[in-house]
């Protein structure tokens, strides 16, 4: 069960990471003036913010920890048998 929860959190992290860039791409046509070095995508990415990216990092960390704990529990139960 713990491994399934870990896999779900890793999928959530991937979705959140992709949504961050997807939101920036959707917002790009609404940008009139933008600074040249970051370009349109970089400017839109700054406007969208980093919240989904930070949530993705947290979800990935929770998922990895959950996967590791699930695997360790399975190894311990196999050693006892």
PDB file of N, CA and C in Angstrom:
ATOM      1  N   UNK A   1       0.824  -1.189   0.000  1.00  0.00           N
ATOM      2  CA  UNK A   1       0.000   0.000   0.000  1.00  0.00           C
ATOM      3  C   UNK A   1       0.874   1.261   0.000  1.00  0.00           C
ATOM      4  N   UNK A   2       1.951   1.218   0.747  1.00  0.00           N
ATOM      5  CA  UNK A   2       2.833   2.382   0.864  1.00  0.00           C
ATOM      6  C   UNK A   2       3.478   2.684  -0.489  1.00  0.00           C
ATOM      7  N   UNK A   3       3.798   1.648  -1.250  1.00  0.00           N
ATOM      8  CA  UNK A   3       4.422   1.871  -2.554  1.00  0.00           C
ATOM      9  C   UNK A   3       3.444   2.502  -3.532  1.00  0.00           C
ATOM     10  N   UNK A   4       2.181   2.121  -3.451  1.00  0.00           N
ATOM     11  CA  UNK A   4       1.174   2.712  -4.335  1.00  0.00           C
ATOM     12  C   UNK A   4       1.003   4.195  -4.038  1.00  0.00           C
ATOM     13  N   UNK A   5       0.992   4.536  -2.764  1.00  0.00           N
ATOM     14  CA  UNK A   5       0.883   5.944  -2.382  1.00  0.00           C
ATOM     15  C   UNK A   5       2.092   6.721  -2.881  1.00  0.00           C
ATOM     16  N   UNK A   6       3.273   6.132  -2.781  1.00  0.00           N
ATOM     17  CA  UNK A   6       4.482   6.780  -3.280  1.00  0.00           C
ATOM     18  C   UNK A   6       4.435   7.005  -4.779  1.00  0.00           C
ATOM     19  N   UNK A   7       3.941   6.018  -5.509  1.00  0.00           N
ATOM     20  CA  UNK A   7       3.829   6.158  -6.963  1.00  0.00           C
ATOM     21  C   UNK A   7       2.821   7.240  -7.329  1.00  0.00           C
ATOM     22  N   UNK A   8       1.724   7.309  -6.584  1.00  0.00           N
ATOM     23  CA  UNK A   8       0.716   8.342  -6.842  1.00  0.00           C
ATOM     24  C   UNK A   8       1.305   9.728  -6.596  1.00  0.00           C
ATOM     25  N   UNK A   9       2.056   9.891  -5.520  1.00  0.00           N
ATOM     26  CA  UNK A   9       2.668  11.195  -5.245  1.00  0.00           C
ATOM     27  C   UNK A   9       3.692  11.561  -6.319  1.00  0.00           C
ATOM     28  N   UNK A  10       4.419  10.595  -6.848  1.00  0.00           N
ATOM     29  CA  UNK A  10       5.373  10.885  -7.924  1.00  0.00           C
ATOM     30  C   UNK A  10       4.639  11.322  -9.189  1.00  0.00           C
ATOM     31  N   UNK A  11       3.494  10.707  -9.478  1.00  0.00           N
ATOM     32  CA  UNK A  11       2.687  11.129 -10.625  1.00  0.00           C
ATOM     33  C   UNK A  11       2.129  12.529 -10.419  1.00  0.00           C
ATOM     34  N   UNK A  12       1.675  12.818  -9.205  1.00  0.00           N
ATOM     35  CA  UNK A  12       1.182  14.154  -8.900  1.00  0.00           C
ATOM     36  C   UNK A  12       2.291  15.187  -9.096  1.00  0.00           C
ATOM     37  N   UNK A  13       3.501  14.842  -8.691  1.00  0.00           N
ATOM     38  CA  UNK A  13       4.631  15.756  -8.857  1.00  0.00           C
ATOM     39  C   UNK A  13       4.899  16.027 -10.337  1.00  0.00           C
ATOM     40  N   UNK A  14       4.833  14.993 -11.162  1.00  0.00           N
ATOM     41  CA  UNK A  14       5.058  15.181 -12.595  1.00  0.00           C
ATOM     42  C   UNK A  14       3.979  16.061 -13.211  1.00  0.00           C
ATOM     43  N   UNK A  15       2.744  15.862 -12.801  1.00  0.00           N
ATOM     44  CA  UNK A  15       1.634  16.662 -13.327  1.00  0.00           C
ATOM     45  C   UNK A  15       1.787  18.124 -12.899  1.00  0.00           C
ATOM     46  N   UNK A  16       2.105  18.349 -11.638  1.00  0.00           N
ATOM     47  CA  UNK A  16       2.280  19.725 -11.158  1.00  0.00           C
ATOM     48  C   UNK A  16       3.430  20.428 -11.875  1.00  0.00           C
ATOM     49  N   UNK A  17       4.507  19.708 -12.114  1.00  0.00           N
ATOM     50  CA  UNK A  17       5.649  20.303 -12.803  1.00  0.00           C
ATOM     51  C   UNK A  17       5.268  20.689 -14.229  1.00  0.00           C
ATOM     52  N   UNK A  18       4.503  19.824 -14.896  1.00  0.00           N
ATOM     53  CA  UNK A  18       4.078  20.118 -16.264  1.00  0.00           C
ATOM     54  C   UNK A  18       3.060  21.253 -16.303  1.00  0.00           C
ATOM     55  N   UNK A  19       2.175  21.318 -15.325  1.00  0.00           N
ATOM     56  CA  UNK A  19       1.152  22.359 -15.280  1.00  0.00           C
ATOM     57  C   UNK A  19       1.793  23.739 -15.154  1.00  0.00           C
ATOM     58  N   UNK A  20       2.890  23.819 -14.453  1.00  0.00           N
ATOM     59  CA  UNK A  20       3.586  25.097 -14.297  1.00  0.00           C
ATOM     60  C   UNK A  20       3.987  25.662 -15.663  1.00  0.00           C
ATOM     61  N   UNK A  21       4.575  24.844 -16.506  1.00  0.00           N
ATOM     62  CA  UNK A  21       4.977  25.300 -17.830  1.00  0.00           C
ATOM     63  C   UNK A  21       3.783  25.450 -18.758  1.00  0.00           C
ATOM     64  N   UNK A  22       2.786  24.605 -18.617  1.00  0.00           N
ATOM     65  CA  UNK A  22       1.590  24.711 -19.438  1.00  0.00           C
ATOM     66  C   UNK A  22       0.868  26.032 -19.179  1.00  0.00           C
ATOM     67  N   UNK A  23       0.794  26.425 -17.924  1.00  0.00           N
ATOM     68  CA  UNK A  23       0.162  27.706 -17.594  1.00  0.00           C
ATOM     69  C   UNK A  23       0.944  28.866 -18.191  1.00  0.00           C
ATOM     70  N   UNK A  24       2.260  28.764 -18.179  1.00  0.00           N
ATOM     71  CA  UNK A  24       3.087  29.830 -18.776  1.00  0.00           C
ATOM     72  C   UNK A  24       2.874  29.898 -20.285  1.00  0.00           C
ATOM     73  N   UNK A  25       2.774  28.752 -20.933  1.00  0.00           N
ATOM     74  CA  UNK A  25       2.573  28.729 -22.380  1.00  0.00           C
ATOM     75  C   UNK A  25       1.187  29.276 -22.736  1.00  0.00           C
ATOM     76  N   UNK A  26       0.195  28.969 -21.932  1.00  0.00           N
ATOM     77  CA  UNK A  26      -1.147  29.486 -22.182  1.00  0.00           C
ATOM     78  C   UNK A  26      -1.171  31.006 -22.007  1.00  0.00           C
ATOM     79  N   UNK A  27      -0.402  31.515 -21.078  1.00  0.00           N
ATOM     80  CA  UNK A  27      -0.381  32.949 -20.794  1.00  0.00           C
ATOM     81  C   UNK A  27       0.466  33.743 -21.789  1.00  0.00           C
ATOM     82  N   UNK A  28       1.338  33.070 -22.538  1.00  0.00           N
ATOM     83  CA  UNK A  28       2.272  33.761 -23.436  1.00  0.00           C
ATOM     84  C   UNK A  28       1.618  34.706 -24.443  1.00  0.00           C
ATOM     85  N   UNK A  29       0.511  34.350 -25.085  1.00  0.00           N
ATOM     86  CA  UNK A  29      -0.048  35.285 -26.080  1.00  0.00           C
ATOM     87  C   UNK A  29      -0.529  36.611 -25.485  1.00  0.00           C
ATOM     88  N   UNK A  30      -0.762  36.656 -24.181  1.00  0.00           N
ATOM     89  CA  UNK A  30      -1.259  37.873 -23.542  1.00  0.00           C
ATOM     90  C   UNK A  30      -0.142  38.836 -23.150  1.00  0.00           C
ATOM     91  N   UNK A  31       1.096  38.470 -23.414  1.00  0.00           N
ATOM     92  CA  UNK A  31       2.224  39.320 -23.048  1.00  0.00           C
ATOM     93  C   UNK A  31       2.549  40.222 -24.233  1.00  0.00           C
ATOM     94  N   UNK A  32       2.446  41.508 -24.015  1.00  0.00           N
ATOM     95  CA  UNK A  32       2.746  42.457 -25.084  1.00  0.00           C
ATOM     96  C   UNK A  32       4.215  42.814 -25.099  1.00  0.00           C
ATOM     97  N   UNK A  33       4.690  43.398 -24.020  1.00  0.00           N
ATOM     98  CA  UNK A  33       6.095  43.789 -23.906  1.00  0.00           C
ATOM     99  C   UNK A  33       6.806  42.773 -23.030  1.00  0.00           C
ATOM    100  N   UNK A  34       7.952  42.363 -23.459  1.00  0.00           N
ATOM    101  CA  UNK A  34       8.744  41.439 -22.661  1.00  0.00           C
ATOM    102  C   UNK A  34      10.206  41.789 -22.826  1.00  0.00           C
ATOM    103  N   UNK A  35      10.961  41.462 -21.801  1.00  0.00           N
ATOM    104  CA  UNK A  35      12.391  41.741 -21.871  1.00  0.00           C
ATOM    105  C   UNK A  35      13.065  40.665 -22.718  1.00  0.00           C
ATOM    106  N   UNK A  36      14.065  41.028 -23.453  1.00  0.00           N
ATOM    107  CA  UNK A  36      14.694  40.136 -24.415  1.00  0.00           C
ATOM    108  C   UNK A  36      15.425  38.944 -23.795  1.00  0.00           C
ATOM    109  N   UNK A  37      16.211  39.081 -22.719  1.00  0.00           N
ATOM    110  CA  UNK A  37      16.965  37.926 -22.249  1.00  0.00           C
ATOM    111  C   UNK A  37      16.118  36.697 -21.864  1.00  0.00           C
ATOM    112  N   UNK A  38      15.047  36.815 -21.073  1.00  0.00           N
ATOM    113  CA  UNK A  38      14.306  35.587 -20.802  1.00  0.00           C
ATOM    114  C   UNK A  38      13.337  35.216 -21.917  1.00  0.00           C
ATOM    115  N   UNK A  39      12.994  36.154 -22.779  1.00  0.00           N
ATOM    116  CA  UNK A  39      12.057  35.874 -23.857  1.00  0.00           C
ATOM    117  C   UNK A  39      10.624  35.797 -23.343  1.00  0.00           C
ATOM    118  N   UNK A  40       9.715  35.430 -24.219  1.00  0.00           N
ATOM    119  CA  UNK A  40       8.303  35.366 -23.836  1.00  0.00           C
ATOM    120  C   UNK A  40       8.020  34.271 -22.827  1.00  0.00           C
ATOM    121  N   UNK A  41       8.564  33.088 -23.058  1.00  0.00           N
ATOM    122  CA  UNK A  41       8.301  31.991 -22.126  1.00  0.00           C
ATOM    123  C   UNK A  41       8.864  32.299 -20.747  1.00  0.00           C
ATOM    124  N   UNK A  42      10.050  32.846 -20.684  1.00  0.00           N
ATOM    125  CA  UNK A  42      10.647  33.193 -19.397  1.00  0.00           C
ATOM    126  C   UNK A  42       9.856  34.257 -18.668  1.00  0.00           C
ATOM    127  N   UNK A  43       9.366  35.244 -19.418  1.00  0.00           N
ATOM    128  CA  UNK A  43       8.559  36.293 -18.806  1.00  0.00           C
ATOM    129  C   UNK A  43       7.237  35.730 -18.304  1.00  0.00           C
ATOM    130  N   UNK A  44       6.598  34.881 -19.107  1.00  0.00           N
ATOM    131  CA  UNK A  44       5.337  34.267 -18.687  1.00  0.00           C
ATOM    132  C   UNK A  44       5.562  33.357 -17.489  1.00  0.00           C
ATOM    133  N   UNK A  45       6.682  32.676 -17.466  1.00  0.00           N
ATOM    134  CA  UNK A  45       7.002  31.796 -16.344  1.00  0.00           C
ATOM    135  C   UNK A  45       7.179  32.596 -15.055  1.00  0.00           C
ATOM    136  N   UNK A  46       7.771  33.769 -15.150  1.00  0.00           N
ATOM    137  CA  UNK A  46       7.922  34.632 -13.972  1.00  0.00           C
ATOM    138  C   UNK A  46       6.561  35.130 -13.489  1.00  0.00           C
ATOM    139  N   UNK A  47       5.661  35.424 -14.414  1.00  0.00           N
ATOM    140  CA  UNK A  47       4.340  35.915 -14.053  1.00  0.00           C
ATOM    141  C   UNK A  47       3.519  34.810 -13.395  1.00  0.00           C
ATOM    142  N   UNK A  48       3.584  33.594 -13.933  1.00  0.00           N
ATOM    143  CA  UNK A  48       2.812  32.467 -13.392  1.00  0.00           C
ATOM    144  C   UNK A  48       3.250  32.153 -11.972  1.00  0.00           C
ATOM    145  N   UNK A  49       4.530  32.202 -11.713  1.00  0.00           N
ATOM    146  CA  UNK A  49       5.030  31.958 -10.364  1.00  0.00           C
ATOM    147  C   UNK A  49       5.610  30.564 -10.199  1.00  0.00           C
ATOM    148  N   UNK A  50       6.123  30.314  -9.002  1.00  0.00           N
ATOM    149  CA  UNK A  50       6.812  29.052  -8.737  1.00  0.00           C
ATOM    150  C   UNK A  50       6.027  28.127  -7.810  1.00  0.00           C
ATOM    151  N   UNK A  51       4.813  28.472  -7.452  1.00  0.00           N
ATOM    152  CA  UNK A  51       4.058  27.659  -6.501  1.00  0.00           C
ATOM    153  C   UNK A  51       3.859  26.228  -6.982  1.00  0.00           C
ATOM    154  N   UNK A  52       3.406  25.979  -8.231  1.00  0.00           N
ATOM    155  CA  UNK A  52       3.255  24.582  -8.654  1.00  0.00           C
ATOM    156  C   UNK A  52       4.579  23.808  -8.647  1.00  0.00           C
ATOM    157  N   UNK A  53       5.665  24.499  -8.971  1.00  0.00           N
ATOM    158  CA  UNK A  53       6.967  23.840  -8.970  1.00  0.00           C
ATOM    159  C   UNK A  53       7.378  23.439  -7.551  1.00  0.00           C
ATOM    160  N   UNK A  54       7.145  24.319  -6.597  1.00  0.00           N
ATOM    161  CA  UNK A  54       7.470  23.993  -5.204  1.00  0.00           C
ATOM    162  C   UNK A  54       6.588  22.858  -4.681  1.00  0.00           C
ATOM    163  N   UNK A  55       5.312  22.879  -5.031  1.00  0.00           N
ATOM    164  CA  UNK A  55       4.416  21.792  -4.629  1.00  0.00           C
ATOM    165  C   UNK A  55       4.836  20.469  -5.279  1.00  0.00           C
ATOM    166  N   UNK A  56       5.333  20.544  -6.509  1.00  0.00           N
ATOM    167  CA  UNK A  56       5.814  19.339  -7.189  1.00  0.00           C
ATOM    168  C   UNK A  56       7.035  18.762  -6.480  1.00  0.00           C
ATOM    169  N   UNK A  57       7.927  19.610  -6.025  1.00  0.00           N
ATOM    170  CA  UNK A  57       9.114  19.147  -5.305  1.00  0.00           C
ATOM    171  C   UNK A  57       8.707  18.486  -3.990  1.00  0.00           C
ATOM    172  N   UNK A  58       7.757  19.089  -3.293  1.00  0.00           N
ATOM    173  CA  UNK A  58       7.285  18.501  -2.034  1.00  0.00           C
ATOM    174  C   UNK A  58       6.611  17.160  -2.287  1.00  0.00           C
ATOM    175  N   UNK A  59       5.755  17.089  -3.314  1.00  0.00           N
ATOM    176  CA  UNK A  59       5.072  15.838  -3.632  1.00  0.00           C
ATOM    177  C   UNK A  59       6.073  14.758  -4.052  1.00  0.00           C
ATOM    178  N   UNK A  60       7.101  15.144  -4.789  1.00  0.00           N
ATOM    179  CA  UNK A  60       8.115  14.173  -5.198  1.00  0.00           C
ATOM    180  C   UNK A  60       8.881  13.644  -3.992  1.00  0.00           C
ATOM    181  N   UNK A  61       9.220  14.530  -3.062  1.00  0.00           N
ATOM    182  CA  UNK A  61       9.930  14.090  -1.861  1.00  0.00           C
ATOM    183  C   UNK A  61       9.071  13.132  -1.038  1.00  0.00           C
ATOM    184  N   UNK A  62       7.788  13.459  -0.875  1.00  0.00           N
ATOM    185  CA  UNK A  62       6.883  12.576  -0.136  1.00  0.00           C
ATOM    186  C   UNK A  62       6.753  11.239  -0.859  1.00  0.00           C
ATOM    187  N   UNK A  63       6.656  11.274  -2.174  1.00  0.00           N
ATOM    188  CA  UNK A  63       6.535  10.039  -2.950  1.00  0.00           C
ATOM    189  C   UNK A  63       7.766   9.156  -2.842  1.00  0.00           C
ATOM    190  N   UNK A  64       8.937   9.748  -2.917  1.00  0.00           N
ATOM    191  CA  UNK A  64      10.177   8.969  -2.829  1.00  0.00           C
ATOM    192  C   UNK A  64      10.335   8.371  -1.434  1.00  0.00           C
ATOM    193  N   UNK A  65      10.061   9.165  -0.414  1.00  0.00           N
ATOM    194  CA  UNK A  65      10.153   8.644   0.958  1.00  0.00           C
ATOM    195  C   UNK A  65       9.167   7.507   1.158  1.00  0.00           C
ATOM    196  N   UNK A  66       7.959   7.660   0.654  1.00  0.00           N
ATOM    197  CA  UNK A  66       6.946   6.620   0.780  1.00  0.00           C
ATOM    198  C   UNK A  66       7.364   5.352   0.034  1.00  0.00           C
ATOM    199  N   UNK A  67       7.935   5.506  -1.152  1.00  0.00           N
ATOM    200  CA  UNK A  67       8.415   4.341  -1.900  1.00  0.00           C
ATOM    201  C   UNK A  67       9.531   3.617  -1.149  1.00  0.00           C
ATOM    202  N   UNK A  68      10.464   4.367  -0.611  1.00  0.00           N
ATOM    203  CA  UNK A  68      11.581   3.757   0.115  1.00  0.00           C
ATOM    204  C   UNK A  68      11.083   3.022   1.360  1.00  0.00           C
ATOM    205  N   UNK A  69      10.176   3.633   2.107  1.00  0.00           N
ATOM    206  CA  UNK A  69       9.633   2.983   3.305  1.00  0.00           C
ATOM    207  C   UNK A  69       8.870   1.716   2.926  1.00  0.00           C
ATOM    208  N   UNK A  70       8.092   1.777   1.836  1.00  0.00           N
ATOM    209  CA  UNK A  70       7.367   0.594   1.378  1.00  0.00           C
ATOM    210  C   UNK A  70       8.300  -0.538   0.984  1.00  0.00           C
ATOM    211  N   UNK A  71       9.379  -0.212   0.296  1.00  0.00           N
ATOM    212  CA  UNK A  71      10.345  -1.239  -0.096  1.00  0.00           C
ATOM    213  C   UNK A  71      11.061  -1.822   1.117  1.00  0.00           C
ATOM    214  N   UNK A  72      11.438  -0.969   2.058  1.00  0.00           N
ATOM    215  CA  UNK A  72      12.104  -1.467   3.261  1.00  0.00           C
ATOM    216  C   UNK A  72      11.183  -2.375   4.072  1.00  0.00           C
ATOM    217  N   UNK A  73       9.910  -2.011   4.164  1.00  0.00           N
ATOM    218  CA  UNK A  73       8.956  -2.875   4.867  1.00  0.00           C
ATOM    219  C   UNK A  73       8.806  -4.220   4.183  1.00  0.00           C
ATOM    220  N   UNK A  74       8.809  -4.242   2.851  1.00  0.00           N
ATOM    221  CA  UNK A  74       8.696  -5.503   2.122  1.00  0.00           C
ATOM    222  C   UNK A  74       9.940  -6.355   2.325  1.00  0.00           C
ATOM    223  N   UNK A  75      11.118  -5.737   2.330  1.00  0.00           N
ATOM    224  CA  UNK A  75      12.353  -6.498   2.549  1.00  0.00           C
ATOM    225  C   UNK A  75      12.386  -7.091   3.947  1.00  0.00           C
ATOM    226  N   UNK A  76      11.948  -6.322   4.936  1.00  0.00           N
ATOM    227  CA  UNK A  76      11.914  -6.822   6.323  1.00  0.00           C
ATOM    228  C   UNK A  76      10.934  -7.965   6.469  1.00  0.00           C
ATOM    229  N   UNK A  77       9.781  -7.879   5.818  1.00  0.00           N
ATOM    230  CA  UNK A  77       8.796  -8.965   5.932  1.00  0.00           C
ATOM    231  C   UNK A  77       9.280 -10.213   5.228  1.00  0.00           C
ATOM    232  N   UNK A  78      10.048 -10.094   4.150  1.00  0.00           N
ATOM    233  CA  UNK A  78      10.611 -11.269   3.460  1.00  0.00           C
ATOM    234  C   UNK A  78      11.703 -11.920   4.294  1.00  0.00           C
ATOM    235  N   UNK A  79      12.469 -11.131   5.030  1.00  0.00           N
ATOM    236  CA  UNK A  79      13.531 -11.689   5.865  1.00  0.00           C
ATOM    237  C   UNK A  79      12.948 -12.461   7.041  1.00  0.00           C
ATOM    238  N   UNK A  80      11.789 -12.018   7.562  1.00  0.00           N
ATOM    239  CA  UNK A  80      11.162 -12.700   8.688  1.00  0.00           C
ATOM    240  C   UNK A  80      10.552 -14.040   8.255  1.00  0.00           C
ATOM    241  N   UNK A  81      10.164 -14.155   7.015  1.00  0.00           N
ATOM    242  CA  UNK A  81       9.504 -15.390   6.539  1.00  0.00           C
ATOM    243  C   UNK A  81      10.463 -16.524   6.327  1.00  0.00           C
TER     244      UNK A  81
END
